[in-house]
Amino acid sequence: MSQLNDISLVAQVVVFRNTRAFDQLVGKYQSSVRRFFLHLTCGDSELSDDLAQDTFIKAYTNLASFKNLSSFSTWLYRIAYNVFYDYLRTRKETDCLETRQVDAQCSTLQNDIGRRMDIYRVLSMLKEMERTCITLFYMEDQSIEKIAGITGCPAGTVKSHLSRAKEKMATYLKAEFNLQMQQNSD
């Protein structure tokens, strides 16, 4: 039913230029798109807001190209995914920083926030594609097939990214736990 409602809203925007219909789509997906970016940017809420805004602007300007070959949410997440990787390419060109340096800075900032932000530290250690797959699968509850559609990777590759990311996260969290247990016993 939700998919039919999305298609109806898209049709109203494309055919009648009904901006209120687009407002309904934004209202429906804004928090999940922002949350997606929040995880990818290791908790940078301002950047997440900017990227989400860019996503909805691109979605609005390209809404006529939506062909209903996938769900509207998959199409929207694909735009969000592209916006994020456009941002990364721009950042690499302008900052001349290695990804690991940026991730280390993100990790350092997250250390100050506290224990509840451990997930962002772990996410910042992952490669971008691993982080994207983990975020979409576990935090946005997307299926392997939908993630494949969003990222343009085969389903087997998505599974590999998820497996490697889970292994890295488990190793890191176990090491952190052991370190904290050691500090508590001293």
Protein backbone atom coordinates (compact mmCIF):
# COMPACT_ATOMS: atom_id res chain seq x y z
CA MET A 1 0.00 0.00 0.00
CA SER A 2 2.82 2.37 0.85
CA GLN A 3 4.42 1.79 -2.57
CA LEU A 4 1.14 2.69 -4.29
CA ASN A 5 0.87 5.85 -2.21
CA ASP A 6 4.45 6.79 -3.18
CA ILE A 7 3.69 6.24 -6.88
CA SER A 8 0.54 8.34 -6.57
CA LEU A 9 2.50 11.17 -4.92
CA VAL A 10 5.23 10.99 -7.58
CA ALA A 11 2.59 11.17 -10.32
CA GLN A 12 0.99 14.22 -8.69
CA VAL A 13 4.35 15.99 -8.58
CA VAL A 14 5.35 15.11 -12.15
CA VAL A 15 1.99 15.67 -13.83
CA PHE A 16 0.47 18.49 -11.78
CA ARG A 17 3.61 20.03 -10.23
CA ASN A 18 1.98 19.46 -6.85
CA THR A 19 4.67 20.55 -4.38
CA ARG A 20 2.53 19.45 -1.43
CA ALA A 21 2.72 15.89 -2.71
CA PHE A 22 6.49 16.17 -2.76
CA ASP A 23 6.38 17.61 0.77
CA GLN A 24 4.60 14.41 1.81
CA LEU A 25 7.38 12.30 0.28
CA VAL A 26 10.00 14.40 2.05
CA GLY A 27 8.13 14.06 5.34
CA LYS A 28 7.92 10.31 4.91
CA TYR A 29 11.60 9.72 4.06
CA GLN A 30 13.47 12.67 5.55
CA SER A 31 14.35 11.09 8.88
CA SER A 32 15.54 7.80 7.36
CA VAL A 33 17.68 9.56 4.72
CA ARG A 34 19.16 11.84 7.36
CA ARG A 35 19.83 8.86 9.64
CA PHE A 36 21.52 7.07 6.73
CA PHE A 37 23.87 10.03 6.30
CA LEU A 38 24.37 10.39 10.04
CA HIS A 39 25.80 6.87 10.15
CA LEU A 40 27.93 7.35 7.03
CA THR A 41 29.39 10.60 8.37
CA CYS A 42 30.09 9.17 11.83
CA GLY A 43 27.57 11.39 13.56
CA ASP A 44 28.16 14.73 11.81
CA SER A 45 24.62 16.10 12.02
CA GLU A 46 25.26 19.31 10.08
CA LEU A 47 26.83 17.45 7.17
CA SER A 48 24.02 14.88 7.33
CA ASP A 49 21.43 17.65 7.05
CA ASP A 50 23.26 19.19 4.07
CA LEU A 51 23.56 15.87 2.26
CA ALA A 52 19.91 15.02 2.94
CA GLN A 53 18.88 18.40 1.55
CA ASP A 54 20.97 17.80 -1.58
CA THR A 55 19.35 14.39 -1.94
CA PHE A 56 15.83 15.79 -1.89
CA ILE A 57 16.72 18.60 -4.29
CA LYS A 58 18.13 16.06 -6.75
CA ALA A 59 15.13 13.79 -6.23
CA TYR A 60 12.74 16.66 -6.97
CA THR A 61 14.59 17.81 -10.08
CA ASN A 62 14.86 14.25 -11.41
CA LEU A 63 11.48 12.92 -10.31
CA ALA A 64 10.29 12.56 -13.89
CA SER A 65 13.06 10.00 -14.44
CA PHE A 66 11.59 7.69 -11.78
CA LYS A 67 10.40 4.70 -13.83
CA ASN A 68 8.97 2.57 -11.00
CA LEU A 69 11.44 -0.23 -11.79
CA SER A 70 12.19 -0.37 -8.06
CA SER A 71 10.45 1.07 -5.05
CA PHE A 72 10.58 4.82 -4.56
CA SER A 73 12.63 4.32 -1.38
CA THR A 74 15.27 2.31 -3.29
CA TRP A 75 15.41 5.01 -5.95
CA LEU A 76 15.74 7.70 -3.27
CA TYR A 77 18.47 5.80 -1.40
CA ARG A 78 20.34 5.40 -4.70
CA ILE A 79 20.30 9.19 -5.05
CA ALA A 80 21.46 9.54 -1.43
CA TYR A 81 24.24 7.04 -2.05
CA ASN A 82 25.39 9.00 -5.11
CA VAL A 83 25.22 12.31 -3.21
CA PHE A 84 27.43 10.84 -0.48
CA TYR A 85 30.01 9.53 -2.93
CA ASP A 86 29.99 12.82 -4.86
CA TYR A 87 30.72 14.51 -1.55
CA LEU A 88 33.60 12.09 -0.86
CA ARG A 89 35.10 12.70 -4.31
CA THR A 90 34.86 16.47 -3.83
CA ARG A 91 36.36 16.24 -0.38
CA LYS A 92 39.29 14.17 -1.65
CA GLU A 93 39.96 16.68 -4.42
CA THR A 94 39.81 19.73 -2.18
CA ASP A 95 41.26 18.49 1.09
CA CYS A 96 44.08 16.30 -0.25
CA LEU A 97 43.65 14.12 2.83
CA GLU A 98 43.91 10.37 2.90
CA THR A 99 40.67 8.63 3.85
CA ARG A 100 42.37 7.07 6.85
CA GLN A 101 43.35 10.53 8.15
CA VAL A 102 39.78 11.74 7.82
CA ASP A 103 38.51 8.58 9.51
CA ALA A 104 41.07 9.03 12.30
CA GLN A 105 39.88 12.62 12.85
CA CYS A 106 36.28 11.38 12.92
CA SER A 107 37.26 8.68 15.39
CA THR A 108 39.10 11.19 17.61
CA LEU A 109 36.07 13.47 17.68
CA GLN A 110 33.83 10.55 18.54
CA ASN A 111 36.05 9.52 21.47
CA ASP A 112 35.02 12.72 23.23
CA ILE A 113 31.31 11.98 22.93
CA GLY A 114 31.32 8.89 25.12
CA ARG A 115 30.60 5.20 25.25
CA ARG A 116 27.24 5.34 23.53
CA MET A 117 28.98 6.56 20.39
CA ASP A 118 31.21 3.47 20.04
CA ILE A 119 29.26 2.46 16.96
CA TYR A 120 30.45 5.59 15.14
CA ARG A 121 34.04 4.82 16.02
CA VAL A 122 33.64 1.34 14.63
CA LEU A 123 31.87 2.60 11.52
CA SER A 124 34.61 5.16 10.90
CA MET A 125 37.16 2.32 10.74
CA LEU A 126 35.32 0.58 7.90
CA LYS A 127 35.84 1.22 4.21
CA GLU A 128 33.11 3.42 2.73
CA MET A 129 31.37 0.56 0.91
CA GLU A 130 31.44 -1.64 4.02
CA ARG A 131 30.00 1.23 6.07
CA THR A 132 27.30 1.82 3.46
CA CYS A 133 26.26 -1.84 3.39
CA ILE A 134 26.24 -2.15 7.20
CA THR A 135 24.24 1.06 7.54
CA LEU A 136 21.66 0.06 4.96
CA PHE A 137 21.30 -3.52 6.21
CA TYR A 138 21.31 -3.12 9.98
CA MET A 139 20.30 0.47 10.56
CA GLU A 140 17.93 1.08 7.65
CA ASP A 141 16.61 -2.50 7.47
CA GLN A 142 17.15 -2.82 3.72
CA SER A 143 17.36 -6.24 2.05
CA ILE A 144 20.47 -7.52 0.27
CA GLU A 145 18.66 -7.08 -3.05
CA LYS A 146 17.72 -3.47 -2.28
CA ILE A 147 21.27 -2.69 -1.17
CA ALA A 148 22.52 -4.18 -4.43
CA GLY A 149 20.12 -1.91 -6.31
CA ILE A 150 21.18 1.14 -4.32
CA THR A 151 24.94 0.58 -4.58
CA GLY A 152 25.03 -1.01 -8.02
CA CYS A 153 27.00 -3.98 -6.61
CA PRO A 154 25.98 -7.60 -7.16
CA ALA A 155 24.21 -9.22 -4.19
CA GLY A 156 27.21 -11.49 -3.56
CA THR A 157 29.49 -8.48 -3.27
CA VAL A 158 27.09 -6.84 -0.81
CA LYS A 159 27.18 -10.04 1.28
CA SER A 160 30.99 -9.98 1.19
CA HIS A 161 31.08 -6.35 2.34
CA LEU A 162 28.67 -7.17 5.16
CA SER A 163 30.70 -10.18 6.24
CA ARG A 164 34.02 -8.30 6.26
CA ALA A 165 32.49 -5.34 8.05
CA LYS A 166 30.91 -7.54 10.74
CA GLU A 167 34.23 -9.28 11.29
CA LYS A 168 36.09 -5.97 11.61
CA MET A 169 33.47 -4.57 13.96
CA ALA A 170 33.48 -7.67 16.16
CA THR A 171 37.28 -7.66 16.38
CA TYR A 172 37.35 -3.98 17.32
CA LEU A 173 34.59 -4.25 19.90
CA LYS A 174 36.18 -7.33 21.51
CA ALA A 175 39.51 -5.51 21.76
CA GLU A 176 37.79 -2.45 23.29
CA PHE A 177 35.94 -4.64 25.77
CA ASN A 178 39.15 -6.42 26.79
CA LEU A 179 40.95 -3.08 27.17
CA GLN A 180 38.18 -1.70 29.39
CA MET A 181 38.14 -4.87 31.49
CA GLN A 182 41.90 -4.57 31.91
CA GLN A 183 41.65 -0.90 32.93
CA ASN A 184 38.88 -1.69 35.42
CA SER A 185 40.96 -4.44 37.06
CA ASP A 186 43.98 -2.12 37.51
